[in-house]
Amino acid sequence: MLILSRKPGESIVIDGRITVKIIRLEGDIVKLGIDAPREVPVHRQEVYDEIQKNNQAALTDTRPTVPRLSTPAPSK
């Protein structure tokens, strides 16, 4: 893990495409601005963890069998 010190108004650049800027400090809370291409998903850790949990559950859940519709007898 890379650990950096930044002051409000300063930024870091990741892979030349993602910029993380320190917007302001409010006590123990750091406000970040993230500028990333639209195709790069950006989530808070707790949201990302929930997405991963739901994706894993979707892979392991057994889906109920869908009943087949009977075709009506041909009319005479």
PDB file of N, CA and C in Angstrom:
ATOM      1  N   MET A   1       0.846  -1.177   0.000  1.00  0.00           N
ATOM      2  CA  MET A   1       0.000   0.000   0.000  1.00  0.00           C
ATOM      3  C   MET A   1       0.889   1.236   0.000  1.00  0.00           C
ATOM      4  N   LEU A   2       0.583   2.129  -0.905  1.00  0.00           N
ATOM      5  CA  LEU A   2       1.287   3.410  -0.971  1.00  0.00           C
ATOM      6  C   LEU A   2       0.575   4.384  -0.057  1.00  0.00           C
ATOM      7  N   ILE A   3       1.304   5.050   0.814  1.00  0.00           N
ATOM      8  CA  ILE A   3       0.725   6.039   1.725  1.00  0.00           C
ATOM      9  C   ILE A   3       1.313   7.404   1.368  1.00  0.00           C
ATOM     10  N   LEU A   4       0.424   8.347   1.089  1.00  0.00           N
ATOM     11  CA  LEU A   4       0.839   9.695   0.698  1.00  0.00           C
ATOM     12  C   LEU A   4       0.226  10.722   1.631  1.00  0.00           C
ATOM     13  N   SER A   5       0.889  11.843   1.768  1.00  0.00           N
ATOM     14  CA  SER A   5       0.331  12.983   2.493  1.00  0.00           C
ATOM     15  C   SER A   5      -0.070  14.033   1.469  1.00  0.00           C
ATOM     16  N   ARG A   6      -1.255  14.566   1.593  1.00  0.00           N
ATOM     17  CA  ARG A   6      -1.767  15.594   0.701  1.00  0.00           C
ATOM     18  C   ARG A   6      -2.476  16.637   1.527  1.00  0.00           C
ATOM     19  N   LYS A   7      -2.463  17.867   1.065  1.00  0.00           N
ATOM     20  CA  LYS A   7      -3.166  18.963   1.706  1.00  0.00           C
ATOM     21  C   LYS A   7      -4.397  19.295   0.872  1.00  0.00           C
ATOM     22  N   PRO A   8      -5.371  19.979   1.467  1.00  0.00           N
ATOM     23  CA  PRO A   8      -6.530  20.382   0.669  1.00  0.00           C
ATOM     24  C   PRO A   8      -6.099  21.122  -0.599  1.00  0.00           C
ATOM     25  N   GLY A   9      -6.727  20.746  -1.716  1.00  0.00           N
ATOM     26  CA  GLY A   9      -6.386  21.340  -3.003  1.00  0.00           C
ATOM     27  C   GLY A   9      -5.353  20.542  -3.781  1.00  0.00           C
ATOM     28  N   GLU A  10      -4.645  19.630  -3.113  1.00  0.00           N
ATOM     29  CA  GLU A  10      -3.650  18.804  -3.793  1.00  0.00           C
ATOM     30  C   GLU A  10      -4.296  17.519  -4.295  1.00  0.00           C
ATOM     31  N   SER A  11      -3.656  16.910  -5.283  1.00  0.00           N
ATOM     32  CA  SER A  11      -4.214  15.724  -5.934  1.00  0.00           C
ATOM     33  C   SER A  11      -3.171  14.638  -6.079  1.00  0.00           C
ATOM     34  N   ILE A  12      -3.665  13.440  -6.420  1.00  0.00           N
ATOM     35  CA  ILE A  12      -2.811  12.356  -6.893  1.00  0.00           C
ATOM     36  C   ILE A  12      -3.431  11.867  -8.202  1.00  0.00           C
ATOM     37  N   VAL A  13      -2.598  11.322  -9.076  1.00  0.00           N
ATOM     38  CA  VAL A  13      -3.062  10.809 -10.363  1.00  0.00           C
ATOM     39  C   VAL A  13      -2.741   9.323 -10.408  1.00  0.00           C
ATOM     40  N   ILE A  14      -3.735   8.525 -10.813  1.00  0.00           N
ATOM     41  CA  ILE A  14      -3.582   7.077 -10.900  1.00  0.00           C
ATOM     42  C   ILE A  14      -3.695   6.673 -12.363  1.00  0.00           C
ATOM     43  N   ASP A  15      -2.680   6.021 -12.861  1.00  0.00           N
ATOM     44  CA  ASP A  15      -2.673   5.479 -14.224  1.00  0.00           C
ATOM     45  C   ASP A  15      -2.895   6.557 -15.279  1.00  0.00           C
ATOM     46  N   GLY A  16      -2.624   7.800 -14.963  1.00  0.00           N
ATOM     47  CA  GLY A  16      -2.773   8.874 -15.928  1.00  0.00           C
ATOM     48  C   GLY A  16      -4.213   9.178 -16.311  1.00  0.00           C
ATOM     49  N   ARG A  17      -5.176   8.466 -15.700  1.00  0.00           N
ATOM     50  CA  ARG A  17      -6.584   8.624 -16.084  1.00  0.00           C
ATOM     51  C   ARG A  17      -7.488   8.998 -14.916  1.00  0.00           C
ATOM     52  N   ILE A  18      -7.046   8.738 -13.715  1.00  0.00           N
ATOM     53  CA  ILE A  18      -7.882   8.964 -12.534  1.00  0.00           C
ATOM     54  C   ILE A  18      -7.183   9.975 -11.628  1.00  0.00           C
ATOM     55  N   THR A  19      -7.913  11.033 -11.280  1.00  0.00           N
ATOM     56  CA  THR A  19      -7.369  12.049 -10.383  1.00  0.00           C
ATOM     57  C   THR A  19      -8.184  12.042  -9.099  1.00  0.00           C
ATOM     58  N   VAL A  20      -7.489  11.969  -7.979  1.00  0.00           N
ATOM     59  CA  VAL A  20      -8.127  12.042  -6.665  1.00  0.00           C
ATOM     60  C   VAL A  20      -7.626  13.326  -6.011  1.00  0.00           C
ATOM     61  N   LYS A  21      -8.567  14.219  -5.706  1.00  0.00           N
ATOM     62  CA  LYS A  21      -8.208  15.523  -5.151  1.00  0.00           C
ATOM     63  C   LYS A  21      -8.774  15.657  -3.743  1.00  0.00           C
ATOM     64  N   ILE A  22      -7.966  16.196  -2.846  1.00  0.00           N
ATOM     65  CA  ILE A  22      -8.426  16.483  -1.494  1.00  0.00           C
ATOM     66  C   ILE A  22      -9.207  17.795  -1.578  1.00  0.00           C
ATOM     67  N   ILE A  23     -10.503  17.720  -1.315  1.00  0.00           N
ATOM     68  CA  ILE A  23     -11.349  18.898  -1.416  1.00  0.00           C
ATOM     69  C   ILE A  23     -11.278  19.715  -0.130  1.00  0.00           C
ATOM     70  N   ARG A  24     -11.528  19.052   1.011  1.00  0.00           N
ATOM     71  CA  ARG A  24     -11.428  19.755   2.294  1.00  0.00           C
ATOM     72  C   ARG A  24     -11.372  18.751   3.436  1.00  0.00           C
ATOM     73  N   LEU A  25     -10.953  19.242   4.581  1.00  0.00           N
ATOM     74  CA  LEU A  25     -10.915  18.459   5.809  1.00  0.00           C
ATOM     75  C   LEU A  25     -11.946  19.035   6.765  1.00  0.00           C
ATOM     76  N   GLU A  26     -12.752  18.156   7.344  1.00  0.00           N
ATOM     77  CA  GLU A  26     -13.741  18.569   8.347  1.00  0.00           C
ATOM     78  C   GLU A  26     -13.546  17.687   9.576  1.00  0.00           C
ATOM     79  N   GLY A  27     -12.678  18.114  10.469  1.00  0.00           N
ATOM     80  CA  GLY A  27     -12.363  17.293  11.636  1.00  0.00           C
ATOM     81  C   GLY A  27     -11.659  16.025  11.184  1.00  0.00           C
ATOM     82  N   ASP A  28     -12.262  14.866  11.498  1.00  0.00           N
ATOM     83  CA  ASP A  28     -11.681  13.585  11.109  1.00  0.00           C
ATOM     84  C   ASP A  28     -12.130  13.132   9.722  1.00  0.00           C
ATOM     85  N   ILE A  29     -12.917  13.942   9.035  1.00  0.00           N
ATOM     86  CA  ILE A  29     -13.472  13.551   7.736  1.00  0.00           C
ATOM     87  C   ILE A  29     -12.719  14.255   6.613  1.00  0.00           C
ATOM     88  N   VAL A  30     -12.337  13.475   5.609  1.00  0.00           N
ATOM     89  CA  VAL A  30     -11.650  13.993   4.437  1.00  0.00           C
ATOM     90  C   VAL A  30     -12.638  13.952   3.278  1.00  0.00           C
ATOM     91  N   LYS A  31     -12.849  15.070   2.610  1.00  0.00           N
ATOM     92  CA  LYS A  31     -13.713  15.135   1.432  1.00  0.00           C
ATOM     93  C   LYS A  31     -12.827  14.983   0.198  1.00  0.00           C
ATOM     94  N   LEU A  32     -13.138  13.965  -0.616  1.00  0.00           N
ATOM     95  CA  LEU A  32     -12.360  13.675  -1.808  1.00  0.00           C
ATOM     96  C   LEU A  32     -13.167  13.976  -3.061  1.00  0.00           C
ATOM     97  N   GLY A  33     -12.501  14.404  -4.093  1.00  0.00           N
ATOM     98  CA  GLY A  33     -13.102  14.509  -5.416  1.00  0.00           C
ATOM     99  C   GLY A  33     -12.383  13.513  -6.309  1.00  0.00           C
ATOM    100  N   ILE A  34     -13.144  12.713  -7.062  1.00  0.00           N
ATOM    101  CA  ILE A  34     -12.547  11.694  -7.918  1.00  0.00           C
ATOM    102  C   ILE A  34     -12.982  11.953  -9.345  1.00  0.00           C
ATOM    103  N   ASP A  35     -12.017  12.127 -10.222  1.00  0.00           N
ATOM    104  CA  ASP A  35     -12.279  12.341 -11.643  1.00  0.00           C
ATOM    105  C   ASP A  35     -11.754  11.112 -12.374  1.00  0.00           C
ATOM    106  N   ALA A  36     -12.700  10.302 -12.894  1.00  0.00           N
ATOM    107  CA  ALA A  36     -12.328   9.062 -13.577  1.00  0.00           C
ATOM    108  C   ALA A  36     -13.180   8.922 -14.831  1.00  0.00           C
ATOM    109  N   PRO A  37     -12.686   8.189 -15.829  1.00  0.00           N
ATOM    110  CA  PRO A  37     -13.502   7.943 -17.017  1.00  0.00           C
ATOM    111  C   PRO A  37     -14.796   7.219 -16.631  1.00  0.00           C
ATOM    112  N   ARG A  38     -15.856   7.444 -17.413  1.00  0.00           N
ATOM    113  CA  ARG A  38     -17.158   6.839 -17.117  1.00  0.00           C
ATOM    114  C   ARG A  38     -17.103   5.322 -17.044  1.00  0.00           C
ATOM    115  N   GLU A  39     -16.219   4.702 -17.824  1.00  0.00           N
ATOM    116  CA  GLU A  39     -16.170   3.239 -17.833  1.00  0.00           C
ATOM    117  C   GLU A  39     -15.447   2.650 -16.623  1.00  0.00           C
ATOM    118  N   VAL A  40     -14.888   3.501 -15.772  1.00  0.00           N
ATOM    119  CA  VAL A  40     -14.210   3.035 -14.563  1.00  0.00           C
ATOM    120  C   VAL A  40     -15.170   3.171 -13.385  1.00  0.00           C
ATOM    121  N   PRO A  41     -15.635   2.036 -12.825  1.00  0.00           N
ATOM    122  CA  PRO A  41     -16.542   2.138 -11.681  1.00  0.00           C
ATOM    123  C   PRO A  41     -15.805   2.653 -10.443  1.00  0.00           C
ATOM    124  N   VAL A  42     -16.453   3.554  -9.725  1.00  0.00           N
ATOM    125  CA  VAL A  42     -15.894   4.097  -8.485  1.00  0.00           C
ATOM    126  C   VAL A  42     -16.970   3.941  -7.412  1.00  0.00           C
ATOM    127  N   HIS A  43     -16.650   3.215  -6.337  1.00  0.00           N
ATOM    128  CA  HIS A  43     -17.606   2.953  -5.263  1.00  0.00           C
ATOM    129  C   HIS A  43     -16.940   3.171  -3.915  1.00  0.00           C
ATOM    130  N   ARG A  44     -17.745   3.522  -2.917  1.00  0.00           N
ATOM    131  CA  ARG A  44     -17.260   3.463  -1.539  1.00  0.00           C
ATOM    132  C   ARG A  44     -17.034   1.991  -1.205  1.00  0.00           C
ATOM    133  N   GLN A  45     -16.128   1.696  -0.309  1.00  0.00           N
ATOM    134  CA  GLN A  45     -15.776   0.310   0.012  1.00  0.00           C
ATOM    135  C   GLN A  45     -16.985  -0.503   0.443  1.00  0.00           C
ATOM    136  N   GLU A  46     -17.848   0.070   1.299  1.00  0.00           N
ATOM    137  CA  GLU A  46     -18.997  -0.699   1.789  1.00  0.00           C
ATOM    138  C   GLU A  46     -19.990  -1.004   0.670  1.00  0.00           C
ATOM    139  N   VAL A  47     -20.110  -0.111  -0.299  1.00  0.00           N
ATOM    140  CA  VAL A  47     -20.991  -0.358  -1.447  1.00  0.00           C
ATOM    141  C   VAL A  47     -20.379  -1.444  -2.335  1.00  0.00           C
ATOM    142  N   TYR A  48     -19.088  -1.357  -2.581  1.00  0.00           N
ATOM    143  CA  TYR A  48     -18.383  -2.359  -3.379  1.00  0.00           C
ATOM    144  C   TYR A  48     -18.513  -3.742  -2.752  1.00  0.00           C
ATOM    145  N   ASP A  49     -18.332  -3.816  -1.432  1.00  0.00           N
ATOM    146  CA  ASP A  49     -18.452  -5.105  -0.737  1.00  0.00           C
ATOM    147  C   ASP A  49     -19.856  -5.685  -0.894  1.00  0.00           C
ATOM    148  N   GLU A  50     -20.890  -4.840  -0.805  1.00  0.00           N
ATOM    149  CA  GLU A  50     -22.275  -5.298  -0.964  1.00  0.00           C
ATOM    150  C   GLU A  50     -22.526  -5.787  -2.387  1.00  0.00           C
ATOM    151  N   ILE A  51     -21.997  -5.094  -3.368  1.00  0.00           N
ATOM    152  CA  ILE A  51     -22.128  -5.523  -4.764  1.00  0.00           C
ATOM    153  C   ILE A  51     -21.488  -6.894  -4.949  1.00  0.00           C
ATOM    154  N   GLN A  52     -20.291  -7.058  -4.415  1.00  0.00           N
ATOM    155  CA  GLN A  52     -19.595  -8.346  -4.537  1.00  0.00           C
ATOM    156  C   GLN A  52     -20.369  -9.466  -3.846  1.00  0.00           C
ATOM    157  N   LYS A  53     -20.912  -9.173  -2.666  1.00  0.00           N
ATOM    158  CA  LYS A  53     -21.697 -10.172  -1.931  1.00  0.00           C
ATOM    159  C   LYS A  53     -22.932 -10.570  -2.737  1.00  0.00           C
ATOM    160  N   ASN A  54     -23.626  -9.591  -3.297  1.00  0.00           N
ATOM    161  CA  ASN A  54     -24.822  -9.882  -4.097  1.00  0.00           C
ATOM    162  C   ASN A  54     -24.483 -10.651  -5.369  1.00  0.00           C
ATOM    163  N   ASN A  55     -23.384 -10.301  -6.011  1.00  0.00           N
ATOM    164  CA  ASN A  55     -22.961 -11.030  -7.207  1.00  0.00           C
ATOM    165  C   ASN A  55     -22.634 -12.482  -6.872  1.00  0.00           C
ATOM    166  N   GLN A  56     -21.955 -12.697  -5.766  1.00  0.00           N
ATOM    167  CA  GLN A  56     -21.607 -14.058  -5.348  1.00  0.00           C
ATOM    168  C   GLN A  56     -22.869 -14.847  -5.026  1.00  0.00           C
ATOM    169  N   ALA A  57     -23.826 -14.208  -4.344  1.00  0.00           N
ATOM    170  CA  ALA A  57     -25.080 -14.884  -4.000  1.00  0.00           C
ATOM    171  C   ALA A  57     -25.857 -15.242  -5.265  1.00  0.00           C
ATOM    172  N   ALA A  58     -25.828 -14.377  -6.265  1.00  0.00           N
ATOM    173  CA  ALA A  58     -26.539 -14.649  -7.513  1.00  0.00           C
ATOM    174  C   ALA A  58     -25.943 -15.860  -8.228  1.00  0.00           C
ATOM    175  N   LEU A  59     -24.646 -16.065  -8.085  1.00  0.00           N
ATOM    176  CA  LEU A  59     -24.000 -17.215  -8.717  1.00  0.00           C
ATOM    177  C   LEU A  59     -24.330 -18.525  -8.013  1.00  0.00           C
ATOM    178  N   THR A  60     -24.570 -18.457  -6.711  1.00  0.00           N
ATOM    179  CA  THR A  60     -24.772 -19.682  -5.946  1.00  0.00           C
ATOM    180  C   THR A  60     -26.237 -19.995  -5.677  1.00  0.00           C
ATOM    181  N   ASP A  61     -27.129 -19.029  -5.835  1.00  0.00           N
ATOM    182  CA  ASP A  61     -28.555 -19.281  -5.605  1.00  0.00           C
ATOM    183  C   ASP A  61     -29.098 -20.236  -6.656  1.00  0.00           C
ATOM    184  N   THR A  62     -29.922 -21.158  -6.189  1.00  0.00           N
ATOM    185  CA  THR A  62     -30.595 -22.026  -7.149  1.00  0.00           C
ATOM    186  C   THR A  62     -31.882 -21.335  -7.539  1.00  0.00           C
ATOM    187  N   ARG A  63     -32.089 -21.260  -8.803  1.00  0.00           N
ATOM    188  CA  ARG A  63     -33.289 -20.586  -9.297  1.00  0.00           C
ATOM    189  C   ARG A  63     -34.439 -21.571  -9.322  1.00  0.00           C
ATOM    190  N   PRO A  64     -35.625 -21.110  -8.981  1.00  0.00           N
ATOM    191  CA  PRO A  64     -36.769 -22.006  -9.033  1.00  0.00           C
ATOM    192  C   PRO A  64     -37.059 -22.411 -10.473  1.00  0.00           C
ATOM    193  N   THR A  65     -37.543 -23.629 -10.611  1.00  0.00           N
ATOM    194  CA  THR A  65     -37.889 -24.119 -11.937  1.00  0.00           C
ATOM    195  C   THR A  65     -39.138 -23.399 -12.417  1.00  0.00           C
ATOM    196  N   VAL A  66     -39.064 -22.908 -13.622  1.00  0.00           N
ATOM    197  CA  VAL A  66     -40.198 -22.205 -14.202  1.00  0.00           C
ATOM    198  C   VAL A  66     -41.135 -23.264 -14.784  1.00  0.00           C
ATOM    199  N   PRO A  67     -42.410 -23.244 -14.394  1.00  0.00           N
ATOM    200  CA  PRO A  67     -43.315 -24.260 -14.918  1.00  0.00           C
ATOM    201  C   PRO A  67     -43.536 -24.061 -16.413  1.00  0.00           C
ATOM    202  N   ARG A  68     -43.656 -25.168 -17.114  1.00  0.00           N
ATOM    203  CA  ARG A  68     -43.929 -25.110 -18.551  1.00  0.00           C
ATOM    204  C   ARG A  68     -45.410 -24.902 -18.774  1.00  0.00           C
ATOM    205  N   LEU A  69     -45.722 -24.061 -19.711  1.00  0.00           N
ATOM    206  CA  LEU A  69     -47.113 -23.848 -20.062  1.00  0.00           C
ATOM    207  C   LEU A  69     -47.547 -24.961 -21.003  1.00  0.00           C
ATOM    208  N   SER A  70     -48.700 -25.526 -20.712  1.00  0.00           N
ATOM    209  CA  SER A  70     -49.181 -26.575 -21.614  1.00  0.00           C
ATOM    210  C   SER A  70     -49.794 -25.909 -22.840  1.00  0.00           C
ATOM    211  N   THR A  71     -49.604 -26.535 -23.974  1.00  0.00           N
ATOM    212  CA  THR A  71     -50.186 -25.994 -25.203  1.00  0.00           C
ATOM    213  C   THR A  71     -51.607 -26.514 -25.328  1.00  0.00           C
ATOM    214  N   PRO A  72     -52.534 -25.652 -25.680  1.00  0.00           N
ATOM    215  CA  PRO A  72     -53.906 -26.108 -25.781  1.00  0.00           C
ATOM    216  C   PRO A  72     -54.101 -27.094 -26.921  1.00  0.00           C
ATOM    217  N   ALA A  73     -55.046 -28.000 -26.732  1.00  0.00           N
ATOM    218  CA  ALA A  73     -55.346 -28.982 -27.771  1.00  0.00           C
ATOM    219  C   ALA A  73     -55.879 -28.255 -28.995  1.00  0.00           C
ATOM    220  N   PRO A  74     -55.503 -28.738 -30.171  1.00  0.00           N
ATOM    221  CA  PRO A  74     -56.006 -28.055 -31.373  1.00  0.00           C
ATOM    222  C   PRO A  74     -57.525 -28.144 -31.454  1.00  0.00           C
ATOM    223  N   SER A  75     -58.149 -27.056 -31.845  1.00  0.00           N
ATOM    224  CA  SER A  75     -59.620 -27.036 -31.951  1.00  0.00           C
ATOM    225  C   SER A  75     -60.071 -27.699 -33.257  1.00  0.00           C
ATOM    226  N   LYS A  76     -61.225 -28.310 -33.206  1.00  0.00           N
ATOM    227  CA  LYS A  76     -61.729 -29.041 -34.384  1.00  0.00           C
ATOM    228  C   LYS A  76     -62.593 -28.190 -35.222  1.00  0.00           C
TER     229      LYS A  76
END
